[in-house]
Structure formats: C-alpha cells, structure tokens
N, C-alpha and C. Protein backbone atom coordinates (compact mmCIF):
# COMPACT_ATOMS: atom_id res chain seq x y z
N MET A 1 82.59 157.25 82.01
CA MET A 1 83.65 156.48 82.33
C MET A 1 85.02 157.15 82.74
N LEU A 2 85.36 158.12 82.23
CA LEU A 2 86.26 158.87 82.60
C LEU A 2 86.21 159.47 84.06
N ALA A 3 85.11 159.93 84.35
CA ALA A 3 84.75 160.30 85.54
C ALA A 3 85.12 159.48 86.73
N LEU A 4 84.40 158.19 86.52
CA LEU A 4 84.68 157.00 87.26
C LEU A 4 86.04 156.65 87.34
N ALA A 5 86.72 156.42 86.30
CA ALA A 5 88.34 156.31 86.39
C ALA A 5 88.83 157.34 87.44
N LEU A 6 88.55 158.63 87.22
CA LEU A 6 89.33 159.52 87.82
C LEU A 6 89.15 159.48 89.46
N LEU A 7 87.74 159.14 89.58
CA LEU A 7 87.32 158.91 91.11
C LEU A 7 88.28 157.83 91.99
N VAL A 8 88.44 156.81 91.00
CA VAL A 8 89.01 155.78 91.66
C VAL A 8 90.67 156.11 91.81
N VAL A 9 91.14 156.72 90.78
CA VAL A 9 92.56 157.20 90.83
C VAL A 9 92.54 158.22 92.05
N ALA A 10 91.73 159.20 92.15
CA ALA A 10 91.91 160.07 93.21
C ALA A 10 91.75 159.36 94.54
N TYR A 11 90.97 158.42 94.79
CA TYR A 11 90.83 157.57 96.08
C TYR A 11 92.00 157.05 96.08
N LEU A 12 92.88 156.33 95.42
CA LEU A 12 93.90 155.47 95.44
C LEU A 12 95.31 156.42 95.73
N CYS A 13 95.29 157.81 95.05
CA CYS A 13 96.09 158.73 95.28
C CYS A 13 96.11 159.14 96.92
N GLY A 14 94.70 159.59 97.19
CA GLY A 14 94.48 160.01 98.60
C GLY A 14 94.98 158.67 99.72
N SER A 15 94.91 157.59 99.23
CA SER A 15 95.39 156.39 100.14
C SER A 15 96.88 156.27 100.58
N ILE A 16 97.50 156.90 99.56
CA ILE A 16 99.06 156.70 99.85
C ILE A 16 99.40 157.06 101.16
N PRO A 17 99.92 156.51 102.20
CA PRO A 17 100.11 156.98 103.43
C PRO A 17 101.37 157.52 103.53
N THR A 18 101.51 158.84 103.19
CA THR A 18 102.68 159.57 103.16
C THR A 18 103.49 159.55 104.51
N GLY A 19 102.72 159.66 105.53
CA GLY A 19 103.51 160.00 106.94
C GLY A 19 103.79 158.48 107.35
N VAL A 20 103.38 157.24 107.10
CA VAL A 20 103.88 156.12 107.27
C VAL A 20 105.20 155.70 106.59
N LEU A 21 104.93 156.21 105.17
CA LEU A 21 106.29 155.89 104.26
C LEU A 21 107.36 156.56 104.77
N LEU A 22 107.27 157.78 105.08
CA LEU A 22 108.28 158.80 105.40
C LEU A 22 108.81 158.15 106.88
N SER A 23 108.05 157.72 107.67
CA SER A 23 108.35 157.70 108.97
C SER A 23 109.42 156.31 108.84
N ARG A 24 108.77 155.26 108.00
CA ARG A 24 109.74 153.89 108.03
C ARG A 24 110.82 154.28 107.81
N ARG A 25 111.32 155.43 106.82
CA ARG A 25 112.69 155.46 106.45
C ARG A 25 113.43 155.78 107.45
N ARG A 26 113.01 156.37 108.64
CA ARG A 26 113.61 156.60 109.83
C ARG A 26 113.54 155.45 110.99
N GLY A 27 112.96 154.57 110.57
CA GLY A 27 112.94 153.23 111.39
C GLY A 27 111.77 153.12 112.17
N VAL A 28 110.76 154.05 112.07
CA VAL A 28 109.65 154.18 113.05
C VAL A 28 108.40 154.04 112.41
N ASP A 29 107.13 154.00 113.06
CA ASP A 29 106.12 153.85 112.80
C ASP A 29 105.04 155.00 113.43
N PRO A 30 104.52 155.97 112.87
CA PRO A 30 103.69 157.06 113.54
C PRO A 30 102.69 156.45 114.34
N ARG A 31 102.14 155.21 113.76
CA ARG A 31 100.83 154.66 114.43
C ARG A 31 101.24 153.99 116.21
N ASP A 32 102.55 153.99 116.14
CA ASP A 32 102.90 153.44 117.51
C ASP A 32 103.37 154.57 118.51
N ILE A 33 103.54 155.75 118.07
CA ILE A 33 104.11 156.73 118.73
C ILE A 33 103.11 157.92 119.06
N GLY A 34 103.17 158.51 120.10
CA GLY A 34 102.14 159.70 120.51
C GLY A 34 100.78 159.29 120.18
N SER A 35 100.17 160.33 119.45
CA SER A 35 98.65 160.22 119.31
C SER A 35 98.12 158.90 118.38
N GLY A 36 99.30 158.25 117.66
CA GLY A 36 99.26 157.43 116.77
C GLY A 36 98.64 157.72 115.32
N ASN A 37 98.48 158.81 115.20
CA ASN A 37 97.97 159.73 113.84
C ASN A 37 98.98 159.49 113.03
N ILE A 38 98.61 159.50 111.62
CA ILE A 38 99.64 159.41 110.49
C ILE A 38 99.70 160.80 109.87
N GLY A 39 99.39 161.90 110.36
CA GLY A 39 99.50 163.25 109.95
C GLY A 39 100.63 163.81 110.30
N ALA A 40 100.82 165.16 109.75
CA ALA A 40 102.31 165.92 109.95
C ALA A 40 102.76 166.16 111.51
N THR A 41 101.69 166.45 112.15
CA THR A 41 102.07 166.75 113.56
C THR A 41 102.67 165.54 114.53
N ASN A 42 102.12 164.44 114.33
CA ASN A 42 102.51 163.05 114.75
C ASN A 42 103.68 162.50 114.09
N VAL A 43 103.84 162.64 112.75
CA VAL A 43 104.90 162.38 112.07
C VAL A 43 106.28 163.21 112.72
N ALA A 44 106.16 164.55 112.71
CA ALA A 44 107.25 165.04 113.40
C ALA A 44 107.58 164.76 114.61
N ARG A 45 106.78 164.45 115.39
CA ARG A 45 106.94 163.75 116.85
C ARG A 45 107.72 162.72 116.75
N ALA A 46 107.34 161.80 115.80
CA ALA A 46 107.74 160.14 115.55
C ALA A 46 109.14 160.33 114.96
N ALA A 47 109.30 161.04 113.76
CA ALA A 47 110.41 160.90 112.85
C ALA A 47 111.26 162.20 112.78
N GLY A 48 110.62 163.43 113.24
CA GLY A 48 111.59 164.59 112.91
C GLY A 48 110.68 165.53 112.27
N PRO A 49 110.94 166.92 112.57
CA PRO A 49 110.56 167.89 111.88
C PRO A 49 110.54 167.94 110.34
N ALA A 50 111.53 167.44 109.63
CA ALA A 50 111.45 167.16 108.19
C ALA A 50 110.61 166.48 107.58
N ALA A 51 110.47 165.23 108.19
CA ALA A 51 109.55 164.15 108.01
C ALA A 51 107.91 164.72 108.26
N GLY A 52 107.93 165.49 109.16
CA GLY A 52 106.42 166.19 109.53
C GLY A 52 106.14 167.12 108.32
N LEU A 53 107.23 167.75 108.08
CA LEU A 53 106.90 169.01 106.72
C LEU A 53 106.71 168.19 105.60
N LEU A 54 107.38 167.22 105.12
CA LEU A 54 107.07 166.57 103.99
C LEU A 54 105.87 165.86 103.93
N THR A 55 105.49 165.29 105.00
CA THR A 55 104.11 164.55 105.41
C THR A 55 103.02 165.81 105.09
N LEU A 56 103.30 167.04 105.45
CA LEU A 56 102.34 168.13 105.55
C LEU A 56 102.10 168.29 103.89
N ALA A 57 103.09 168.44 103.08
CA ALA A 57 103.20 168.63 101.56
C ALA A 57 102.53 167.48 100.85
N GLY A 58 103.02 166.31 101.19
CA GLY A 58 102.54 165.19 100.38
C GLY A 58 101.09 165.07 100.83
N ASP A 59 100.54 165.03 101.99
CA ASP A 59 99.12 164.99 102.20
C ASP A 59 98.13 166.19 101.40
N THR A 60 98.83 167.35 101.44
CA THR A 60 98.26 168.43 100.71
C THR A 60 98.20 168.24 99.34
N LEU A 61 99.18 167.66 98.58
CA LEU A 61 99.18 167.28 97.28
C LEU A 61 98.39 166.17 96.98
N LYS A 62 98.10 165.26 97.97
CA LYS A 62 97.36 164.33 97.67
C LYS A 62 95.78 164.78 97.26
N GLY A 63 95.30 165.69 98.21
CA GLY A 63 94.13 166.51 97.70
C GLY A 63 94.03 167.39 96.60
N LEU A 64 95.16 168.17 96.46
CA LEU A 64 95.36 169.07 95.23
C LEU A 64 95.33 168.45 93.86
N LEU A 65 96.33 167.43 93.61
CA LEU A 65 96.66 167.08 92.32
C LEU A 65 95.40 166.47 91.83
N PRO A 66 94.68 165.48 92.21
CA PRO A 66 93.52 164.75 91.28
C PRO A 66 92.39 166.02 91.09
N VAL A 67 92.23 167.15 91.97
CA VAL A 67 91.32 168.14 91.68
C VAL A 67 91.99 168.86 90.44
N LEU A 68 93.14 169.04 90.39
CA LEU A 68 93.65 169.93 89.36
C LEU A 68 93.72 168.90 88.09
N ILE A 69 93.87 167.71 88.13
CA ILE A 69 93.83 166.95 86.93
C ILE A 69 92.32 166.89 86.11
N ALA A 70 91.33 166.69 87.34
CA ALA A 70 89.96 166.71 86.75
C ALA A 70 89.55 168.17 86.12
N GLY A 71 90.06 169.13 86.78
CA GLY A 71 89.78 170.35 86.19
C GLY A 71 90.19 170.61 84.70
N ALA A 72 91.74 170.16 84.60
CA ALA A 72 92.20 170.29 83.34
C ALA A 72 91.81 169.29 82.24
N LEU A 73 91.05 168.28 82.50
CA LEU A 73 90.16 167.56 81.80
C LEU A 73 88.85 167.96 81.29
N GLY A 74 88.38 169.11 81.88
CA GLY A 74 87.33 169.86 81.71
C GLY A 74 86.06 169.32 82.00
N LEU A 75 85.96 168.47 83.26
CA LEU A 75 85.07 167.95 83.90
C LEU A 75 83.88 168.89 84.62
N SER A 76 83.06 168.56 84.95
CA SER A 76 81.84 169.54 85.38
C SER A 76 82.32 169.91 86.99
N SER A 77 81.92 171.18 87.29
CA SER A 77 82.39 171.47 88.88
C SER A 77 81.83 170.36 89.86
N THR A 78 80.68 169.73 89.63
CA THR A 78 80.36 168.80 90.50
C THR A 78 81.14 167.63 90.47
N THR A 79 81.49 167.17 89.33
CA THR A 79 82.47 166.06 89.11
C THR A 79 83.97 166.42 89.88
N ILE A 80 84.46 167.56 89.66
CA ILE A 80 85.46 167.73 90.36
C ILE A 80 85.68 167.84 91.89
N ALA A 81 84.49 168.35 92.10
CA ALA A 81 84.21 168.20 93.66
C ALA A 81 84.29 167.03 94.07
N LEU A 82 83.63 165.94 93.58
CA LEU A 82 83.53 164.58 93.86
C LEU A 82 84.98 163.99 93.68
N VAL A 83 85.71 164.30 92.88
CA VAL A 83 87.09 163.94 92.83
C VAL A 83 87.77 164.22 94.14
N GLY A 84 87.73 165.65 94.36
CA GLY A 84 88.35 165.96 95.63
C GLY A 84 87.84 165.31 96.96
N LEU A 85 86.70 164.92 97.01
CA LEU A 85 86.07 164.02 98.27
C LEU A 85 86.88 162.86 98.20
N ALA A 86 86.64 161.94 97.11
CA ALA A 86 87.40 161.02 96.70
C ALA A 86 88.90 160.71 97.50
N ALA A 87 89.75 162.00 96.69
CA ALA A 87 91.08 161.77 97.33
C ALA A 87 90.93 162.03 98.96
N PHE A 88 90.07 162.63 99.51
CA PHE A 88 90.09 163.13 100.85
C PHE A 88 89.61 161.56 101.61
N LEU A 89 88.71 161.00 101.02
CA LEU A 89 88.18 159.76 101.61
C LEU A 89 89.33 158.60 101.68
N GLY A 90 90.21 158.72 100.51
CA GLY A 90 91.24 157.94 100.63
C GLY A 90 92.49 158.06 101.76
N HIS A 91 92.46 159.21 102.00
CA HIS A 91 93.23 159.65 103.21
C HIS A 91 92.69 159.00 104.46
N LEU A 92 91.28 159.16 104.70
CA LEU A 92 90.67 158.82 105.88
C LEU A 92 90.62 157.29 106.06
N TYR A 93 90.37 156.74 104.85
CA TYR A 93 90.01 155.33 104.96
C TYR A 93 90.98 154.55 103.83
N SER A 94 92.33 154.72 104.13
CA SER A 94 93.18 154.00 103.09
C SER A 94 93.21 152.69 103.00
N CYS A 95 93.12 152.18 101.55
CA CYS A 95 92.98 150.61 101.31
C CYS A 95 94.36 150.12 101.70
N PHE A 96 95.45 150.98 101.79
CA PHE A 96 96.72 150.50 102.20
C PHE A 96 97.06 150.28 103.57
N LEU A 97 96.00 150.74 104.42
CA LEU A 97 96.18 150.56 105.77
C LEU A 97 94.90 149.97 106.30
N GLY A 98 94.31 149.25 105.68
CA GLY A 98 93.31 148.30 106.09
C GLY A 98 92.20 149.31 106.47
N PHE A 99 91.97 150.29 105.50
CA PHE A 99 90.81 150.98 105.68
C PHE A 99 90.63 152.15 106.84
N ASP A 100 91.84 152.34 107.18
CA ASP A 100 92.14 153.32 108.41
C ASP A 100 92.85 154.50 107.80
N GLY A 101 93.33 155.62 108.53
CA GLY A 101 93.93 156.69 107.89
C GLY A 101 94.11 157.93 109.12
N GLY A 102 94.45 159.05 108.29
CA GLY A 102 94.81 160.28 109.10
C GLY A 102 93.46 160.91 109.44
N LYS A 103 93.55 162.30 109.92
CA LYS A 103 92.37 163.11 110.34
C LYS A 103 91.99 163.96 108.98
N GLY A 104 92.63 164.13 107.98
CA GLY A 104 92.42 164.55 106.80
C GLY A 104 92.32 166.22 106.66
N VAL A 105 93.19 167.01 107.63
CA VAL A 105 93.24 168.40 107.78
C VAL A 105 94.25 168.87 106.69
N ALA A 106 95.08 168.34 106.43
CA ALA A 106 96.15 168.71 105.25
C ALA A 106 95.70 168.41 103.75
N THR A 107 94.86 166.98 103.82
CA THR A 107 94.41 166.72 102.44
C THR A 107 93.00 167.70 102.28
N THR A 108 92.45 168.01 103.24
CA THR A 108 91.20 168.87 102.92
C THR A 108 91.73 170.29 102.31
N LEU A 109 92.68 170.67 102.96
CA LEU A 109 93.53 171.90 102.55
C LEU A 109 93.77 171.92 101.09
N GLY A 110 94.28 170.93 100.72
CA GLY A 110 94.68 170.56 99.17
C GLY A 110 93.57 170.51 98.18
N VAL A 111 92.45 169.81 98.72
CA VAL A 111 91.39 169.92 98.13
C VAL A 111 90.78 171.24 97.61
N LEU A 112 90.71 171.88 98.89
CA LEU A 112 90.22 173.34 98.83
C LEU A 112 91.11 174.43 97.97
N ILE A 113 92.36 174.11 97.78
CA ILE A 113 93.20 174.86 97.13
C ILE A 113 92.89 174.72 95.59
N GLY A 114 92.57 173.44 95.10
CA GLY A 114 92.10 173.33 93.86
C GLY A 114 90.70 173.49 93.49
N LEU A 115 89.79 173.49 94.66
CA LEU A 115 88.28 173.82 94.34
C LEU A 115 87.86 175.37 94.73
N ALA A 116 88.71 175.80 95.73
CA ALA A 116 87.99 177.14 96.17
C ALA A 116 89.34 177.83 96.73
N PRO A 117 90.16 178.36 95.95
CA PRO A 117 91.61 178.97 96.49
C PRO A 117 91.19 180.01 97.41
N SER A 118 90.29 180.84 97.30
CA SER A 118 90.28 182.01 98.10
C SER A 118 89.73 181.36 99.65
N CYS A 119 89.05 180.66 99.76
CA CYS A 119 88.56 180.18 100.84
C CYS A 119 89.87 179.33 101.50
N ALA A 120 90.40 178.67 100.75
CA ALA A 120 91.60 177.81 101.34
C ALA A 120 92.47 178.93 102.03
N ALA A 121 92.77 179.98 101.54
CA ALA A 121 93.67 180.89 101.94
C ALA A 121 93.25 181.60 103.21
N LEU A 122 91.69 181.87 103.33
CA LEU A 122 91.33 182.17 104.23
C LEU A 122 91.42 181.25 105.78
N LEU A 123 91.23 180.23 105.27
CA LEU A 123 91.21 179.16 106.33
C LEU A 123 92.78 178.76 106.81
N ALA A 124 93.63 179.03 105.86
CA ALA A 124 94.99 178.98 106.28
C ALA A 124 95.52 179.92 107.21
N ALA A 125 94.92 181.05 106.98
CA ALA A 125 95.33 182.15 107.96
C ALA A 125 94.62 182.11 109.07
N ALA A 126 93.30 181.60 109.31
CA ALA A 126 92.62 181.36 110.44
C ALA A 126 93.54 180.24 111.34
N PHE A 127 93.81 179.14 110.51
CA PHE A 127 94.55 178.28 111.16
C PHE A 127 95.95 178.73 111.92
N VAL A 128 96.75 179.48 111.05
CA VAL A 128 97.95 179.86 111.44
C VAL A 128 97.87 180.88 112.68
N LEU A 129 96.84 181.68 112.75
CA LEU A 129 96.45 182.73 113.70
C LEU A 129 96.24 182.11 115.03
N THR A 130 95.15 181.01 114.71
CA THR A 130 94.82 180.23 115.98
C THR A 130 96.02 179.55 116.97
N ILE A 131 96.82 179.03 115.96
CA ILE A 131 98.24 178.32 116.46
C ILE A 131 99.15 179.33 117.36
N ALA A 132 99.19 180.74 116.58
CA ALA A 132 99.96 181.55 117.03
C ALA A 132 99.54 181.94 118.49
N LEU A 133 98.02 182.17 118.67
CA LEU A 133 97.45 182.53 120.03
C LEU A 133 97.22 181.58 120.84
N ALA A 134 97.04 180.25 120.48
CA ALA A 134 96.48 179.43 121.37
C ALA A 134 97.52 178.24 121.38
N ARG A 135 98.20 178.02 120.38
CA ARG A 135 99.30 177.01 120.37
C ARG A 135 98.75 175.52 120.49
N TYR A 136 97.48 175.40 119.89
CA TYR A 136 97.00 174.07 119.65
C TYR A 136 96.91 173.73 118.34
N VAL A 137 97.28 172.66 117.87
CA VAL A 137 97.02 172.31 116.40
C VAL A 137 95.51 172.09 116.16
N SER A 138 95.10 171.09 117.34
CA SER A 138 93.94 170.51 116.99
C SER A 138 92.59 171.54 117.22
N LEU A 139 93.07 172.53 117.96
CA LEU A 139 91.95 173.59 117.90
C LEU A 139 91.99 174.30 116.83
N ALA A 140 93.10 174.65 115.94
CA ALA A 140 93.20 175.20 114.66
C ALA A 140 92.73 174.53 113.77
N SER A 141 92.42 173.12 113.68
CA SER A 141 92.03 172.28 112.81
C SER A 141 90.50 172.27 112.81
N LEU A 142 89.95 172.24 114.14
CA LEU A 142 88.47 172.25 114.43
C LEU A 142 87.82 173.54 113.93
N LEU A 143 88.70 174.80 114.21
CA LEU A 143 88.06 175.96 113.66
C LEU A 143 88.08 175.92 112.28
N ALA A 144 89.07 175.57 111.62
CA ALA A 144 89.02 175.73 110.29
C ALA A 144 88.06 174.78 109.76
N ALA A 145 87.57 173.58 110.35
CA ALA A 145 86.67 172.80 109.87
C ALA A 145 85.27 173.38 110.09
N ALA A 146 85.04 174.28 111.01
CA ALA A 146 83.80 174.86 111.40
C ALA A 146 83.75 175.92 110.47
N LEU A 147 84.73 176.57 110.16
CA LEU A 147 84.55 177.59 109.09
C LEU A 147 84.31 177.29 107.69
N THR A 148 84.73 176.13 107.26
CA THR A 148 84.79 175.93 105.85
C THR A 148 83.54 175.83 105.08
N ALA A 149 82.34 175.14 105.34
CA ALA A 149 81.22 175.43 104.70
C ALA A 149 80.64 176.78 104.87
N PRO A 150 80.50 177.54 106.06
CA PRO A 150 79.83 179.00 105.74
C PRO A 150 80.89 179.81 104.89
N LEU A 151 82.18 179.91 104.94
CA LEU A 151 83.08 180.56 104.00
C LEU A 151 82.85 180.20 102.46
N LEU A 152 82.85 178.85 102.09
CA LEU A 152 82.43 178.44 100.73
C LEU A 152 80.95 179.00 100.49
N LEU A 153 80.20 179.09 101.21
CA LEU A 153 78.61 179.62 101.10
C LEU A 153 78.65 181.13 100.67
N ALA A 154 79.37 181.82 101.80
CA ALA A 154 79.61 183.16 101.69
C ALA A 154 80.36 183.71 100.39
N LEU A 155 81.18 183.00 99.99
CA LEU A 155 81.86 183.27 98.89
C LEU A 155 81.52 182.86 97.64
N GLY A 156 80.37 182.22 97.65
CA GLY A 156 79.66 181.87 96.21
C GLY A 156 79.95 180.71 95.47
N TYR A 157 80.64 179.81 96.29
CA TYR A 157 81.11 178.57 95.41
C TYR A 157 79.99 177.73 95.01
N PRO A 158 80.28 176.74 94.13
CA PRO A 158 79.02 176.03 93.71
C PRO A 158 78.45 175.29 94.76
N ALA A 159 77.17 174.87 94.68
CA ALA A 159 76.67 173.98 95.67
C ALA A 159 77.31 172.51 95.96
N ALA A 160 77.65 172.05 95.23
CA ALA A 160 78.48 170.88 94.97
C ALA A 160 79.68 171.03 95.92
N THR A 161 80.29 172.16 95.78
CA THR A 161 81.72 172.31 96.47
C THR A 161 81.24 172.82 98.12
N VAL A 162 80.33 173.47 98.21
CA VAL A 162 79.99 173.68 99.61
C VAL A 162 79.52 172.34 100.26
N LEU A 163 78.97 171.55 99.62
CA LEU A 163 78.36 170.05 100.12
C LEU A 163 79.64 169.29 100.41
N VAL A 164 80.52 169.22 99.44
CA VAL A 164 81.99 168.37 99.86
C VAL A 164 82.58 168.93 100.86
N GLY A 165 82.74 170.28 101.02
CA GLY A 165 83.20 171.04 102.09
C GLY A 165 82.83 170.79 103.53
N LEU A 166 81.32 170.72 103.40
CA LEU A 166 80.56 170.32 104.52
C LEU A 166 80.91 168.88 105.08
N VAL A 167 80.83 167.89 104.18
CA VAL A 167 81.14 166.58 104.55
C VAL A 167 82.48 166.45 104.94
N MET A 168 83.70 166.95 104.32
CA MET A 168 84.86 166.94 104.98
C MET A 168 85.02 167.55 106.14
N SER A 169 84.44 168.73 106.50
CA SER A 169 84.55 169.31 107.68
C SER A 169 83.90 168.41 108.84
N ALA A 170 82.75 167.73 108.55
CA ALA A 170 82.22 166.92 109.44
C ALA A 170 83.37 165.77 109.97
N LEU A 171 83.69 165.15 108.85
CA LEU A 171 84.75 164.01 109.09
C LEU A 171 85.95 164.36 109.86
N VAL A 172 86.40 165.53 109.65
CA VAL A 172 87.62 166.05 110.19
C VAL A 172 86.97 166.34 111.65
N THR A 173 86.18 166.76 112.02
CA THR A 173 85.78 166.99 113.36
C THR A 173 85.33 165.74 113.91
N LEU A 174 84.84 164.81 113.46
CA LEU A 174 84.48 163.38 113.88
C LEU A 174 86.13 162.71 114.24
N ARG A 175 86.94 162.86 113.35
CA ARG A 175 88.27 162.13 113.70
C ARG A 175 89.13 162.99 114.74
N HIS A 176 88.69 164.18 115.17
CA HIS A 176 89.27 164.89 116.46
C HIS A 176 88.59 164.54 117.75
N ARG A 177 87.87 163.61 117.76
CA ARG A 177 86.76 163.60 118.93
C ARG A 177 87.64 163.25 120.18
N ASP A 178 88.98 162.66 120.17
CA ASP A 178 89.84 162.32 121.14
C ASP A 178 90.36 163.89 121.62
N ASN A 179 90.71 164.41 120.32
CA ASN A 179 91.68 165.78 120.82
C ASN A 179 90.40 166.66 121.49
N ILE A 180 88.94 166.65 121.06
CA ILE A 180 88.15 167.46 121.73
C ILE A 180 88.19 167.06 123.29
N ARG A 181 88.22 165.76 123.66
CA ARG A 181 88.12 165.49 124.84
C ARG A 181 89.27 165.75 125.77
N ARG A 182 90.68 165.84 125.09
CA ARG A 182 91.72 166.31 125.69
C ARG A 182 91.65 167.87 126.04
N LEU A 183 91.01 168.36 124.72
CA LEU A 183 91.04 170.14 125.13
C LEU A 183 90.16 170.30 126.32
N ARG A 184 89.17 169.68 126.33
CA ARG A 184 88.01 169.73 127.67
C ARG A 184 88.59 169.59 129.05
N PHE A 185 89.51 168.39 128.78
CA PHE A 185 90.03 168.06 130.20
C PHE A 185 91.48 168.72 130.44
N GLY A 186 92.06 169.52 129.52
CA GLY A 186 93.42 170.12 129.66
C GLY A 186 94.44 169.28 129.45
N THR A 187 94.39 168.37 128.75
CA THR A 187 95.29 167.18 128.53
C THR A 187 95.93 167.27 127.10
N GLU A 188 95.29 168.19 126.31
CA GLU A 188 95.74 168.39 124.81
C GLU A 188 97.37 169.07 124.70
N PRO A 189 98.20 168.40 124.04
CA PRO A 189 99.48 168.88 123.99
C PRO A 189 99.52 170.20 123.27
N ARG A 190 100.41 171.10 123.64
CA ARG A 190 100.50 172.65 122.96
C ARG A 190 101.86 172.68 122.53
N ILE A 191 101.74 173.28 121.14
CA ILE A 191 103.26 173.46 120.50
C ILE A 191 104.37 174.07 121.51
N GLY A 192 105.21 173.57 121.80
CA GLY A 192 106.50 174.19 122.53
C GLY A 192 106.05 174.17 123.96
N VAL A 193 104.97 173.44 124.49
CA VAL A 193 104.79 173.35 126.00
C VAL A 193 104.61 171.79 126.28
N ALA A 194 105.35 171.18 127.36
CA ALA A 194 105.24 170.05 128.02
C ALA A 194 103.85 169.63 128.04
N ARG A 195 103.48 168.48 127.67
CA ARG A 195 102.36 167.69 127.82
C ARG A 195 101.75 167.65 129.09
N PRO A 196 100.58 167.99 129.63
CA PRO A 196 100.27 167.83 130.93
C PRO A 196 99.82 166.32 131.16
N SER A 197 100.02 165.90 132.29
CA SER A 197 99.87 164.47 132.52
C SER A 197 98.37 164.15 132.71
N GLU A 198 98.01 162.74 132.58
CA GLU A 198 96.60 162.42 132.78
C GLU A 198 96.13 162.77 134.34
N ALA A 199 96.99 162.33 135.18
CA ALA A 199 96.97 162.40 136.63
C ALA A 199 96.67 163.94 136.90
N ASP A 200 97.28 164.92 136.29
CA ASP A 200 97.37 166.21 136.59
C ASP A 200 95.77 166.67 136.28
N SER A 201 95.27 166.41 135.66
CA SER A 201 93.75 166.40 134.98
C SER A 201 92.52 165.76 135.53
N GLY A 202 92.94 164.87 136.41
CA GLY A 202 91.84 163.94 137.14
C GLY A 202 91.46 163.11 136.16
N LEU A 203 92.31 162.46 134.76
CA LEU A 203 91.81 161.55 134.00
C LEU A 203 92.47 160.04 134.05
N ALA A 204 93.33 160.09 135.13
CA ALA A 204 94.27 159.05 135.04
C ALA A 204 93.17 157.94 135.76
C-alpha cells in the first residue's frame, strides 16, 4: 500500500508544470511560443533566462525528490526505480495539462541522480560537452538518452534501474522526433546562433 501511494504521489509531483507556472508569472505561456515545449530551453525563450534556470531546477527536483523519499523509506530498488519512472511519466503526461507535457530531459536527470548518481554525472558531462562543441541542446539530449542504458548496464546498476533508464531514454527520444527532423534538415536552432528559416532549408 505504501509503495502504491508513493507511485501516485510521484506521478502527481512529476505532473506539476513548472515551466508553465513560472512563465505565467511573466504573463506568457511557453506552449504558445517557440517550440511550444514546457521545458527549460523554451521557457527561457518565452519568459527569460531566470525562468529557464528555475524550470531546469524544478523539473530536475520533480524526478529526484520522489526517488530520495522512496529510498529513505527503505523500499526495494525495484520499487524505487518505478517511483522514479512514475515521476518521469507525470512530467511527460501531466494530469494538469490534459495528459500532455514536456520532453523529460531534466526530469530524467533528477531520477538518475537519485537512482544512479555516477551515471547521472557522466551523462551531464556528455551533455555539457556536446552543447559546447555543437551548440545544439536537442543533440545533447538525444546523445544523453542514447548513452543512458549502456552506461547503467556498464556501471552495474540493478536490472530494474537499467530497464527504467531504457524506457525513459526511448520516450525522451520519441519526444524529440521533431528536433530530429530539424537536425536532419538544418533548421534546428543552435545556442547563440540565429535560427535558419524553413525556406533556407527547402522545408517551406
């Protein structure tokens, strides 16, 4: 019963639309601006860098806190992993947003900080390095997603953690399908670089 209650709480925690709430304080809705995503990058575009950073922190904590609570209660590693997955699914399919949501990158990071901190550190390093070299947030996110399950497996984490990592990675990749298309055709925005037009890439 405790585990079931915690799964529900984790889902509700993950469902809190951090980016939407912070943006509304600035009189905007990130779903109506830019990519329409509620994550940190688009919130920064819609409501400013401070709101973007707070969204990043909030979305990360949504994944981390339920995992830490489950661990503190002495639940099994499988249950703790499922609690993390519930928080992640809450972010992607928020009950407060008509079961829509974000792409899950920051929330995945939060879950992994709680479940597999060494893996989370390596993925964060790969993410930052990719942005520094290529200046594509989406590419960094996709690379981190691709590396998650192999790293969890190589580092010897429990099977349930590896499986949850694999599910999160697959859903993050699926949520980035529009970004993959734009990367393919050269219309994906880069940090600090003006976004190319659809016409320039032959997509108009």
